[in-house]
Amino acid sequence: MFWDNHFNTDHQESFDFFGFYSALFPATQALEAARLHYDVQNLFRNLAFNGTFRDILEASGLGPAMIIYLDTDSNIAGAPNENYAREVLELHSMGVDGGYTQQDIVQLAKVFTGWNVCKKDAAVASDPLAACIPSTTYGTATEPPGLWVRNFRTTRHDTSQKTLFAGTPYQAIIPSTSGNPAAGINDADLAYDAIVAHQRE
């Protein structure tokens, strides 16, 4: 499938992420890794006919498989990881010479701080701000049922103002959320909007 190839992820990375199942539940380790990739493929199939490139960009970037693959789960305030920021500009949207700078990558990395993957009760699985099932139960006989989904950690997000494509006609300012850290969840939406607006030119 075209979009699955374009927004490449790696099954082995997902398999390794679920390594805490390997001792007691090795079949669960393989099942959960496969499920992440199956789910994103189904999203692509739907969005290819019923969505926009902007929708696909977000579904990929904030999907658990990509969060794990490009280390967004370790991207935190004060120590941003640039892997995803670089790839979303260079490979997923604008191209190598697409009109962005290293400073844009730095700013974009801050935008995506705080995102990770955790297990949540199915009733709240679609809410990135809902509580995760305690990680101390992962891989144990007492682990509650639930779904592995994206999660936004307000305490790990860089709440400062970010500026993308500074000094260009596509400049986008993402406001500080220091007064309301939970609002930082919207930084990703603003960034995807800015990337797609620039990418269209």
N, C-alpha and C. Protein backbone atom coordinates (compact mmCIF):
# COMPACT_ATOMS: atom_id res chain seq x y z
N MET A 1 0.84 -1.19 0.00
CA MET A 1 0.00 0.00 0.00
C MET A 1 0.89 1.25 0.00
N PHE A 2 0.50 2.24 -0.80
CA PHE A 2 1.33 3.43 -0.99
C PHE A 2 1.60 4.17 0.31
N TRP A 3 0.55 4.48 1.07
CA TRP A 3 0.73 5.31 2.27
C TRP A 3 1.50 4.57 3.35
N ASP A 4 1.30 3.26 3.44
CA ASP A 4 2.05 2.47 4.42
C ASP A 4 3.53 2.49 4.11
N ASN A 5 3.87 2.54 2.82
CA ASN A 5 5.27 2.62 2.42
C ASN A 5 5.82 4.03 2.64
N HIS A 6 5.02 5.03 2.30
CA HIS A 6 5.47 6.43 2.44
C HIS A 6 5.72 6.78 3.91
N PHE A 7 4.79 6.42 4.76
CA PHE A 7 4.92 6.67 6.20
C PHE A 7 5.46 5.41 6.87
N ASN A 8 6.65 5.05 6.50
CA ASN A 8 7.23 3.78 6.91
C ASN A 8 7.42 3.68 8.42
N THR A 9 7.08 2.55 8.98
CA THR A 9 7.37 2.22 10.37
C THR A 9 8.06 0.86 10.38
N ASP A 10 8.34 0.34 11.56
CA ASP A 10 9.10 -0.91 11.64
C ASP A 10 8.46 -1.85 12.66
N HIS A 11 8.04 -3.02 12.19
CA HIS A 11 7.39 -3.97 13.08
C HIS A 11 8.32 -4.42 14.21
N GLN A 12 9.60 -4.58 13.92
CA GLN A 12 10.52 -5.04 14.95
C GLN A 12 10.60 -4.06 16.11
N GLU A 13 10.56 -2.76 15.79
CA GLU A 13 10.59 -1.74 16.86
C GLU A 13 9.37 -1.91 17.76
N SER A 14 8.22 -2.12 17.16
CA SER A 14 7.00 -2.32 17.96
C SER A 14 7.10 -3.61 18.78
N PHE A 15 7.61 -4.65 18.17
CA PHE A 15 7.78 -5.92 18.88
C PHE A 15 8.69 -5.74 20.09
N ASP A 16 9.79 -5.02 19.90
CA ASP A 16 10.71 -4.78 21.02
C ASP A 16 10.06 -3.93 22.10
N PHE A 17 9.22 -2.97 21.71
CA PHE A 17 8.53 -2.12 22.67
C PHE A 17 7.71 -2.96 23.65
N PHE A 18 7.11 -4.02 23.14
CA PHE A 18 6.28 -4.88 23.98
C PHE A 18 7.09 -6.02 24.62
N GLY A 19 8.36 -5.82 24.80
CA GLY A 19 9.23 -6.85 25.35
C GLY A 19 8.86 -7.30 26.75
N PHE A 20 8.13 -6.47 27.49
CA PHE A 20 7.73 -6.85 28.86
C PHE A 20 6.75 -8.02 28.86
N TYR A 21 6.21 -8.37 27.70
CA TYR A 21 5.33 -9.54 27.60
C TYR A 21 6.11 -10.83 27.33
N SER A 22 7.38 -10.71 26.99
CA SER A 22 8.11 -11.86 26.46
C SER A 22 8.23 -13.00 27.46
N ALA A 23 8.33 -12.71 28.73
CA ALA A 23 8.54 -13.77 29.73
C ALA A 23 7.29 -14.61 29.95
N LEU A 24 6.16 -13.94 30.26
CA LEU A 24 4.94 -14.67 30.58
C LEU A 24 3.99 -14.84 29.41
N PHE A 25 3.99 -13.87 28.50
CA PHE A 25 2.99 -13.87 27.42
C PHE A 25 3.63 -13.56 26.07
N PRO A 26 4.49 -14.44 25.56
CA PRO A 26 5.17 -14.14 24.29
C PRO A 26 4.21 -13.96 23.12
N ALA A 27 3.09 -14.67 23.13
CA ALA A 27 2.12 -14.51 22.04
C ALA A 27 1.51 -13.12 22.07
N THR A 28 1.34 -12.56 23.26
CA THR A 28 0.79 -11.21 23.39
C THR A 28 1.76 -10.18 22.83
N GLN A 29 3.04 -10.40 23.03
CA GLN A 29 4.04 -9.48 22.48
C GLN A 29 3.89 -9.38 20.97
N ALA A 30 3.79 -10.51 20.30
CA ALA A 30 3.64 -10.52 18.84
C ALA A 30 2.30 -9.95 18.41
N LEU A 31 1.24 -10.27 19.15
CA LEU A 31 -0.11 -9.82 18.80
C LEU A 31 -0.22 -8.29 18.90
N GLU A 32 0.27 -7.72 19.99
CA GLU A 32 0.14 -6.28 20.18
C GLU A 32 0.98 -5.51 19.15
N ALA A 33 2.16 -6.01 18.84
CA ALA A 33 2.99 -5.37 17.81
C ALA A 33 2.29 -5.39 16.46
N ALA A 34 1.73 -6.53 16.11
CA ALA A 34 1.03 -6.64 14.83
C ALA A 34 -0.21 -5.75 14.80
N ARG A 35 -0.89 -5.63 15.93
CA ARG A 35 -2.11 -4.83 15.98
C ARG A 35 -1.83 -3.36 15.69
N LEU A 36 -0.72 -2.82 16.18
CA LEU A 36 -0.40 -1.42 15.91
C LEU A 36 -0.30 -1.16 14.41
N HIS A 37 0.32 -2.08 13.70
CA HIS A 37 0.52 -1.90 12.26
C HIS A 37 -0.76 -2.20 11.47
N TYR A 38 -1.51 -3.14 11.94
CA TYR A 38 -2.80 -3.43 11.32
C TYR A 38 -3.74 -2.23 11.44
N ASP A 39 -3.77 -1.61 12.60
CA ASP A 39 -4.64 -0.46 12.83
C ASP A 39 -4.28 0.72 11.93
N VAL A 40 -2.99 1.00 11.79
CA VAL A 40 -2.61 2.15 10.96
C VAL A 40 -2.88 1.87 9.48
N GLN A 41 -2.71 0.64 9.05
CA GLN A 41 -3.05 0.30 7.67
C GLN A 41 -4.54 0.50 7.39
N ASN A 42 -5.37 0.14 8.36
CA ASN A 42 -6.81 0.36 8.19
C ASN A 42 -7.14 1.85 8.14
N LEU A 43 -6.44 2.64 8.95
CA LEU A 43 -6.62 4.10 8.90
C LEU A 43 -6.27 4.64 7.52
N PHE A 44 -5.14 4.20 7.00
CA PHE A 44 -4.72 4.65 5.66
C PHE A 44 -5.75 4.28 4.61
N ARG A 45 -6.27 3.06 4.68
CA ARG A 45 -7.26 2.63 3.69
C ARG A 45 -8.49 3.54 3.72
N ASN A 46 -8.92 3.88 4.92
CA ASN A 46 -10.09 4.74 5.06
C ASN A 46 -9.79 6.17 4.60
N LEU A 47 -8.68 6.72 5.07
CA LEU A 47 -8.37 8.12 4.77
C LEU A 47 -7.97 8.34 3.32
N ALA A 48 -7.45 7.31 2.67
CA ALA A 48 -7.08 7.46 1.27
C ALA A 48 -8.28 7.83 0.40
N PHE A 49 -9.47 7.42 0.82
CA PHE A 49 -10.69 7.72 0.06
C PHE A 49 -11.59 8.74 0.76
N ASN A 50 -11.43 8.88 2.06
CA ASN A 50 -12.36 9.71 2.82
C ASN A 50 -11.69 10.84 3.60
N GLY A 51 -10.41 11.04 3.39
CA GLY A 51 -9.70 12.07 4.14
C GLY A 51 -8.81 12.91 3.25
N THR A 52 -7.94 13.68 3.88
CA THR A 52 -7.00 14.55 3.18
C THR A 52 -5.58 14.12 3.54
N PHE A 53 -4.63 14.69 2.82
CA PHE A 53 -3.24 14.43 3.16
C PHE A 53 -2.94 14.88 4.59
N ARG A 54 -3.54 15.98 4.99
CA ARG A 54 -3.39 16.47 6.37
C ARG A 54 -3.86 15.42 7.37
N ASP A 55 -4.98 14.78 7.11
CA ASP A 55 -5.51 13.73 7.98
C ASP A 55 -4.55 12.55 8.06
N ILE A 56 -4.01 12.17 6.90
CA ILE A 56 -3.10 11.03 6.85
C ILE A 56 -1.80 11.35 7.59
N LEU A 57 -1.31 12.58 7.43
CA LEU A 57 -0.08 13.00 8.10
C LEU A 57 -0.22 12.86 9.61
N GLU A 58 -1.34 13.32 10.14
CA GLU A 58 -1.55 13.22 11.60
C GLU A 58 -1.77 11.79 12.04
N ALA A 59 -2.57 11.04 11.29
CA ALA A 59 -2.83 9.65 11.66
C ALA A 59 -1.54 8.86 11.75
N SER A 60 -0.62 9.15 10.83
CA SER A 60 0.67 8.48 10.85
C SER A 60 1.52 8.96 12.02
N GLY A 61 1.72 10.27 12.11
CA GLY A 61 2.66 10.82 13.08
C GLY A 61 2.28 10.62 14.53
N LEU A 62 0.98 10.66 14.81
CA LEU A 62 0.52 10.46 16.18
C LEU A 62 -0.06 9.07 16.39
N GLY A 63 0.25 8.17 15.47
CA GLY A 63 -0.12 6.78 15.65
C GLY A 63 0.93 6.07 16.49
N PRO A 64 0.53 5.11 17.32
CA PRO A 64 1.49 4.41 18.17
C PRO A 64 2.69 3.82 17.45
N ALA A 65 2.48 3.26 16.25
CA ALA A 65 3.60 2.64 15.53
C ALA A 65 4.68 3.66 15.21
N MET A 66 4.29 4.88 14.77
CA MET A 66 5.27 5.91 14.44
C MET A 66 5.88 6.52 15.69
N ILE A 67 5.08 6.69 16.73
CA ILE A 67 5.61 7.23 17.99
C ILE A 67 6.74 6.34 18.50
N ILE A 68 6.54 5.05 18.39
CA ILE A 68 7.58 4.10 18.84
C ILE A 68 8.75 4.10 17.87
N TYR A 69 8.47 4.04 16.57
CA TYR A 69 9.52 3.90 15.58
C TYR A 69 10.50 5.06 15.56
N LEU A 70 9.99 6.29 15.63
CA LEU A 70 10.88 7.46 15.54
C LEU A 70 11.12 8.12 16.90
N ASP A 71 10.94 7.35 17.96
CA ASP A 71 11.37 7.75 19.31
C ASP A 71 10.65 8.97 19.87
N THR A 72 9.45 9.24 19.38
CA THR A 72 8.68 10.33 19.96
C THR A 72 8.38 10.04 21.43
N ASP A 73 8.29 8.77 21.78
CA ASP A 73 8.01 8.42 23.18
C ASP A 73 9.12 8.88 24.13
N SER A 74 10.31 9.14 23.62
CA SER A 74 11.40 9.65 24.47
C SER A 74 11.66 11.13 24.23
N ASN A 75 10.77 11.79 23.53
CA ASN A 75 10.91 13.21 23.22
C ASN A 75 10.24 14.02 24.33
N ILE A 76 11.04 14.65 25.19
CA ILE A 76 10.49 15.34 26.35
C ILE A 76 11.06 16.74 26.47
N ALA A 77 10.34 17.59 27.18
CA ALA A 77 10.79 18.96 27.41
C ALA A 77 12.18 18.96 28.03
N GLY A 78 13.05 19.81 27.52
CA GLY A 78 14.41 19.90 28.03
C GLY A 78 15.38 18.97 27.35
N ALA A 79 14.86 17.94 26.69
CA ALA A 79 15.72 16.99 25.97
C ALA A 79 14.99 16.50 24.72
N PRO A 80 14.66 17.41 23.81
CA PRO A 80 13.88 17.02 22.64
C PRO A 80 14.63 16.07 21.71
N ASN A 81 13.90 15.09 21.20
CA ASN A 81 14.44 14.14 20.22
C ASN A 81 13.96 14.59 18.85
N GLU A 82 14.86 14.81 17.92
CA GLU A 82 14.52 15.39 16.62
C GLU A 82 14.16 14.36 15.54
N ASN A 83 14.16 13.08 15.87
CA ASN A 83 13.96 12.07 14.84
C ASN A 83 12.68 12.28 14.04
N TYR A 84 11.56 12.36 14.74
CA TYR A 84 10.30 12.51 14.02
C TYR A 84 10.20 13.86 13.32
N ALA A 85 10.62 14.92 14.00
CA ALA A 85 10.55 16.26 13.41
C ALA A 85 11.28 16.31 12.07
N ARG A 86 12.45 15.70 12.01
CA ARG A 86 13.23 15.69 10.77
C ARG A 86 12.54 14.87 9.69
N GLU A 87 12.05 13.70 10.07
CA GLU A 87 11.45 12.80 9.08
C GLU A 87 10.13 13.33 8.54
N VAL A 88 9.32 13.97 9.39
CA VAL A 88 8.03 14.45 8.91
C VAL A 88 8.22 15.56 7.88
N LEU A 89 9.29 16.35 8.02
CA LEU A 89 9.55 17.39 7.03
C LEU A 89 10.26 16.83 5.80
N GLU A 90 11.32 16.05 6.04
CA GLU A 90 12.17 15.60 4.93
C GLU A 90 11.52 14.50 4.09
N LEU A 91 10.93 13.52 4.75
CA LEU A 91 10.41 12.36 4.02
C LEU A 91 8.90 12.35 3.84
N HIS A 92 8.17 12.83 4.84
CA HIS A 92 6.72 12.66 4.82
C HIS A 92 5.97 13.80 4.15
N SER A 93 6.58 14.99 4.06
CA SER A 93 5.80 16.11 3.54
C SER A 93 6.53 17.01 2.56
N MET A 94 7.63 17.64 2.94
CA MET A 94 8.19 18.74 2.17
C MET A 94 9.39 18.39 1.30
N GLY A 95 10.05 17.29 1.59
CA GLY A 95 11.20 16.90 0.80
C GLY A 95 12.50 17.48 1.32
N VAL A 96 13.60 16.98 0.82
CA VAL A 96 14.93 17.37 1.32
C VAL A 96 15.18 18.86 1.16
N ASP A 97 14.79 19.43 0.05
CA ASP A 97 14.99 20.86 -0.20
C ASP A 97 13.66 21.59 -0.21
N GLY A 98 12.82 21.27 0.76
CA GLY A 98 11.46 21.78 0.75
C GLY A 98 11.24 23.14 1.36
N GLY A 99 12.29 23.81 1.80
CA GLY A 99 12.11 25.15 2.31
C GLY A 99 12.06 25.25 3.82
N TYR A 100 12.60 24.27 4.52
CA TYR A 100 12.68 24.34 5.98
C TYR A 100 14.15 24.37 6.39
N THR A 101 14.40 24.74 7.64
CA THR A 101 15.76 24.86 8.15
C THR A 101 15.94 23.95 9.36
N GLN A 102 17.18 23.88 9.83
CA GLN A 102 17.45 23.13 11.05
C GLN A 102 16.68 23.72 12.23
N GLN A 103 16.51 25.05 12.24
CA GLN A 103 15.75 25.68 13.32
C GLN A 103 14.29 25.22 13.31
N ASP A 104 13.74 24.97 12.13
CA ASP A 104 12.38 24.44 12.06
C ASP A 104 12.31 23.05 12.67
N ILE A 105 13.34 22.25 12.45
CA ILE A 105 13.38 20.91 13.05
C ILE A 105 13.45 21.01 14.56
N VAL A 106 14.27 21.94 15.07
CA VAL A 106 14.39 22.15 16.51
C VAL A 106 13.04 22.55 17.11
N GLN A 107 12.38 23.50 16.45
CA GLN A 107 11.08 23.97 16.95
C GLN A 107 10.03 22.87 16.87
N LEU A 108 10.04 22.12 15.79
CA LEU A 108 9.06 21.06 15.61
C LEU A 108 9.26 19.93 16.61
N ALA A 109 10.50 19.65 16.93
CA ALA A 109 10.77 18.63 17.95
C ALA A 109 10.12 19.03 19.28
N LYS A 110 10.16 20.31 19.61
CA LYS A 110 9.53 20.79 20.85
C LYS A 110 8.01 20.63 20.79
N VAL A 111 7.45 20.82 19.60
CA VAL A 111 6.01 20.65 19.42
C VAL A 111 5.56 19.26 19.83
N PHE A 112 6.37 18.26 19.48
CA PHE A 112 5.96 16.87 19.71
C PHE A 112 6.50 16.28 21.01
N THR A 113 7.01 17.12 21.90
CA THR A 113 7.39 16.61 23.22
C THR A 113 6.12 16.19 23.97
N GLY A 114 6.28 15.17 24.79
CA GLY A 114 5.18 14.74 25.66
C GLY A 114 4.35 13.59 25.14
N TRP A 115 4.46 13.26 23.87
CA TRP A 115 3.65 12.16 23.32
C TRP A 115 4.33 10.82 23.58
N ASN A 116 3.55 9.84 23.94
CA ASN A 116 4.07 8.47 24.09
C ASN A 116 2.95 7.48 23.84
N VAL A 117 3.20 6.24 24.12
CA VAL A 117 2.23 5.17 23.93
C VAL A 117 2.01 4.48 25.26
N CYS A 118 0.76 4.26 25.61
CA CYS A 118 0.46 3.53 26.83
C CYS A 118 -0.84 2.76 26.65
N LYS A 119 -1.16 1.97 27.63
CA LYS A 119 -2.40 1.19 27.59
C LYS A 119 -3.48 1.93 28.37
N LYS A 120 -4.67 2.03 27.78
CA LYS A 120 -5.78 2.70 28.44
C LYS A 120 -7.02 1.82 28.41
N ASP A 121 -7.90 2.06 29.35
CA ASP A 121 -9.19 1.40 29.34
C ASP A 121 -9.90 1.74 28.03
N ALA A 122 -10.58 0.79 27.44
CA ALA A 122 -11.20 0.99 26.14
C ALA A 122 -12.17 2.16 26.14
N ALA A 123 -12.80 2.45 27.27
CA ALA A 123 -13.79 3.52 27.34
C ALA A 123 -13.16 4.90 27.15
N VAL A 124 -11.85 5.04 27.42
CA VAL A 124 -11.19 6.34 27.31
C VAL A 124 -10.02 6.29 26.33
N ALA A 125 -9.95 5.24 25.53
CA ALA A 125 -8.79 5.03 24.65
C ALA A 125 -8.61 6.13 23.63
N SER A 126 -9.68 6.80 23.24
CA SER A 126 -9.57 7.85 22.22
C SER A 126 -9.18 9.21 22.81
N ASP A 127 -9.03 9.30 24.11
CA ASP A 127 -8.68 10.56 24.78
C ASP A 127 -7.20 10.55 25.15
N PRO A 128 -6.37 11.33 24.43
CA PRO A 128 -4.92 11.33 24.74
C PRO A 128 -4.59 11.86 26.14
N LEU A 129 -5.53 12.56 26.77
CA LEU A 129 -5.29 13.10 28.11
C LEU A 129 -5.80 12.19 29.22
N ALA A 130 -6.49 11.11 28.87
CA ALA A 130 -7.02 10.20 29.88
C ALA A 130 -5.88 9.42 30.53
N ALA A 131 -6.14 8.95 31.73
CA ALA A 131 -5.12 8.22 32.50
C ALA A 131 -4.77 6.89 31.85
N CYS A 132 -3.50 6.55 31.94
CA CYS A 132 -3.01 5.25 31.46
C CYS A 132 -3.19 4.20 32.55
N ILE A 133 -3.32 2.97 32.13
CA ILE A 133 -3.24 1.86 33.06
C ILE A 133 -1.81 1.83 33.60
N PRO A 134 -1.62 1.66 34.91
CA PRO A 134 -0.27 1.73 35.49
C PRO A 134 0.73 0.80 34.78
N SER A 135 1.87 1.36 34.44
CA SER A 135 2.88 0.58 33.72
C SER A 135 3.44 -0.55 34.58
N THR A 136 3.28 -0.44 35.89
CA THR A 136 3.78 -1.51 36.78
C THR A 136 3.03 -2.81 36.58
N THR A 137 1.87 -2.75 35.92
CA THR A 137 1.11 -3.97 35.68
C THR A 137 1.42 -4.60 34.33
N TYR A 138 2.14 -3.88 33.46
CA TYR A 138 2.40 -4.38 32.12
C TYR A 138 3.17 -5.71 32.18
N GLY A 139 2.68 -6.67 31.46
CA GLY A 139 3.36 -7.97 31.38
C GLY A 139 3.15 -8.86 32.58
N THR A 140 2.23 -8.47 33.48
CA THR A 140 1.96 -9.29 34.66
C THR A 140 0.60 -9.97 34.54
N ALA A 141 0.35 -10.90 35.42
CA ALA A 141 -0.92 -11.62 35.40
C ALA A 141 -2.07 -10.72 35.83
N THR A 142 -1.76 -9.58 36.46
CA THR A 142 -2.81 -8.69 36.95
C THR A 142 -3.04 -7.48 36.03
N GLU A 143 -2.43 -7.48 34.86
CA GLU A 143 -2.60 -6.36 33.94
C GLU A 143 -4.06 -6.28 33.47
N PRO A 144 -4.72 -5.13 33.64
CA PRO A 144 -6.11 -5.00 33.22
C PRO A 144 -6.22 -4.99 31.70
N PRO A 145 -7.39 -5.31 31.17
CA PRO A 145 -7.60 -5.23 29.72
C PRO A 145 -7.60 -3.78 29.27
N GLY A 146 -7.36 -3.56 28.00
CA GLY A 146 -7.35 -2.20 27.47
C GLY A 146 -6.74 -2.17 26.08
N LEU A 147 -6.51 -0.96 25.59
CA LEU A 147 -5.96 -0.77 24.25
C LEU A 147 -4.69 0.06 24.32
N TRP A 148 -3.72 -0.27 23.47
CA TRP A 148 -2.48 0.49 23.37
C TRP A 148 -2.69 1.64 22.40
N VAL A 149 -2.57 2.86 22.92
CA VAL A 149 -2.92 4.05 22.14
C VAL A 149 -1.93 5.18 22.42
N ARG A 150 -2.06 6.27 21.65
CA ARG A 150 -1.24 7.46 21.89
C ARG A 150 -1.69 8.14 23.18
N ASN A 151 -0.74 8.81 23.81
CA ASN A 151 -1.00 9.45 25.09
C ASN A 151 -0.21 10.76 25.15
N PHE A 152 -0.81 11.79 25.72
CA PHE A 152 -0.14 13.08 25.85
C PHE A 152 0.14 13.37 27.32
N ARG A 153 1.43 13.53 27.64
CA ARG A 153 1.86 13.79 29.02
C ARG A 153 2.15 15.29 29.17
N THR A 154 1.27 16.00 29.84
CA THR A 154 1.43 17.45 29.97
C THR A 154 2.71 17.83 30.69
N THR A 155 3.15 16.98 31.62
CA THR A 155 4.36 17.29 32.39
C THR A 155 5.64 17.09 31.60
N ARG A 156 5.54 16.45 30.44
CA ARG A 156 6.72 16.20 29.60
C ARG A 156 6.74 17.08 28.34
N HIS A 157 5.73 17.95 28.22
CA HIS A 157 5.61 18.77 27.02
C HIS A 157 6.28 20.13 27.21
N ASP A 158 6.97 20.58 26.18
CA ASP A 158 7.57 21.91 26.17
C ASP A 158 6.46 22.93 25.91
N THR A 159 6.13 23.73 26.92
CA THR A 159 5.00 24.65 26.82
C THR A 159 5.38 26.02 26.25
N SER A 160 6.63 26.19 25.84
CA SER A 160 7.07 27.49 25.33
C SER A 160 6.46 27.77 23.95
N GLN A 161 6.51 29.03 23.54
CA GLN A 161 6.08 29.40 22.18
C GLN A 161 7.05 28.80 21.17
N LYS A 162 6.51 28.32 20.06
CA LYS A 162 7.34 27.79 18.97
C LYS A 162 7.01 28.55 17.69
N THR A 163 8.01 28.73 16.85
CA THR A 163 7.81 29.40 15.57
C THR A 163 8.33 28.51 14.45
N LEU A 164 7.47 28.20 13.51
CA LEU A 164 7.85 27.40 12.35
C LEU A 164 7.97 28.30 11.13
N PHE A 165 8.97 28.01 10.31
CA PHE A 165 9.20 28.72 9.04
C PHE A 165 9.34 30.24 9.25
N ALA A 166 10.09 30.59 10.30
CA ALA A 166 10.27 32.00 10.69
C ALA A 166 10.80 32.83 9.54
N GLY A 167 10.22 34.03 9.39
CA GLY A 167 10.69 34.96 8.38
C GLY A 167 10.27 34.65 6.97
N THR A 168 9.40 33.67 6.79
CA THR A 168 8.90 33.31 5.45
C THR A 168 7.41 33.63 5.40
N PRO A 169 6.83 33.60 4.20
CA PRO A 169 5.38 33.82 4.10
C PRO A 169 4.55 32.75 4.82
N TYR A 170 5.20 31.65 5.20
CA TYR A 170 4.50 30.53 5.83
C TYR A 170 4.72 30.50 7.34
N GLN A 171 5.29 31.56 7.89
CA GLN A 171 5.58 31.58 9.32
C GLN A 171 4.33 31.25 10.13
N ALA A 172 4.49 30.38 11.10
CA ALA A 172 3.39 29.99 11.97
C ALA A 172 3.87 30.03 13.41
N ILE A 173 3.17 30.77 14.24
CA ILE A 173 3.53 30.87 15.66
C ILE A 173 2.57 29.99 16.46
N ILE A 174 3.16 29.09 17.20
CA ILE A 174 2.39 28.21 18.08
C ILE A 174 2.53 28.79 19.48
N PRO A 175 1.44 29.29 20.05
CA PRO A 175 1.54 30.06 21.30
C PRO A 175 1.95 29.22 22.51
N SER A 176 2.51 29.91 23.48
CA SER A 176 2.86 29.27 24.76
C SER A 176 1.61 28.72 25.43
N THR A 177 1.76 27.58 26.06
CA THR A 177 0.66 27.00 26.84
C THR A 177 1.07 26.85 28.30
N SER A 178 2.02 27.66 28.72
CA SER A 178 2.53 27.53 30.10
C SER A 178 1.43 27.77 31.12
N GLY A 179 0.42 28.58 30.77
CA GLY A 179 -0.68 28.83 31.69
C GLY A 179 -1.71 27.71 31.72
N ASN A 180 -1.66 26.84 30.74
CA ASN A 180 -2.61 25.73 30.63
C ASN A 180 -1.92 24.59 29.90
N PRO A 181 -1.08 23.83 30.58
CA PRO A 181 -0.27 22.79 29.91
C PRO A 181 -1.07 21.79 29.09
N ALA A 182 -2.30 21.50 29.48
CA ALA A 182 -3.10 20.54 28.72
C ALA A 182 -3.39 21.05 27.31
N ALA A 183 -3.39 22.38 27.13
CA ALA A 183 -3.63 22.95 25.81
C ALA A 183 -2.49 22.66 24.85
N GLY A 184 -1.35 22.23 25.37
CA GLY A 184 -0.22 21.86 24.52
C GLY A 184 -0.53 20.72 23.58
N ILE A 185 -1.60 19.99 23.85
CA ILE A 185 -2.01 18.90 22.96
C ILE A 185 -2.36 19.44 21.58
N ASN A 186 -2.75 20.74 21.52
CA ASN A 186 -3.12 21.36 20.25
C ASN A 186 -1.91 21.78 19.41
N ASP A 187 -0.71 21.79 19.99
CA ASP A 187 0.49 22.18 19.25
C ASP A 187 0.67 21.35 17.99
N ALA A 188 0.40 20.06 18.11
CA ALA A 188 0.58 19.16 16.96
C ALA A 188 -0.37 19.53 15.83
N ASP A 189 -1.62 19.85 16.16
CA ASP A 189 -2.58 20.25 15.13
C ASP A 189 -2.11 21.50 14.39
N LEU A 190 -1.64 22.49 15.15
CA LEU A 190 -1.18 23.74 14.54
C LEU A 190 0.04 23.49 13.65
N ALA A 191 0.92 22.60 14.10
CA ALA A 191 2.12 22.30 13.32
C ALA A 191 1.76 21.57 12.03
N TYR A 192 0.88 20.59 12.10
CA TYR A 192 0.47 19.88 10.88
C TYR A 192 -0.20 20.84 9.89
N ASP A 193 -1.01 21.76 10.41
CA ASP A 193 -1.64 22.75 9.53
C ASP A 193 -0.58 23.59 8.81
N ALA A 194 0.44 24.02 9.57
CA ALA A 194 1.50 24.85 8.99
C ALA A 194 2.31 24.08 7.95
N ILE A 195 2.61 22.82 8.23
CA ILE A 195 3.38 22.00 7.29
C ILE A 195 2.61 21.80 5.99
N VAL A 196 1.34 21.48 6.10
CA VAL A 196 0.54 21.23 4.91
C VAL A 196 0.34 22.51 4.10
N ALA A 197 0.16 23.65 4.78
CA ALA A 197 0.03 24.92 4.06
C ALA A 197 1.29 25.23 3.28
N HIS A 198 2.45 24.95 3.85
CA HIS A 198 3.73 25.18 3.18
C HIS A 198 3.94 24.16 2.08
N GLN A 199 3.61 22.91 2.36
CA GLN A 199 3.85 21.82 1.42
C GLN A 199 3.07 21.99 0.13
N ARG A 200 1.95 22.67 0.19
CA ARG A 200 1.10 22.83 -1.00
C ARG A 200 1.74 23.72 -2.04
N GLU A 201 2.65 24.60 -1.62
CA GLU A 201 3.22 25.57 -2.54
C GLU A 201 4.28 24.93 -3.44
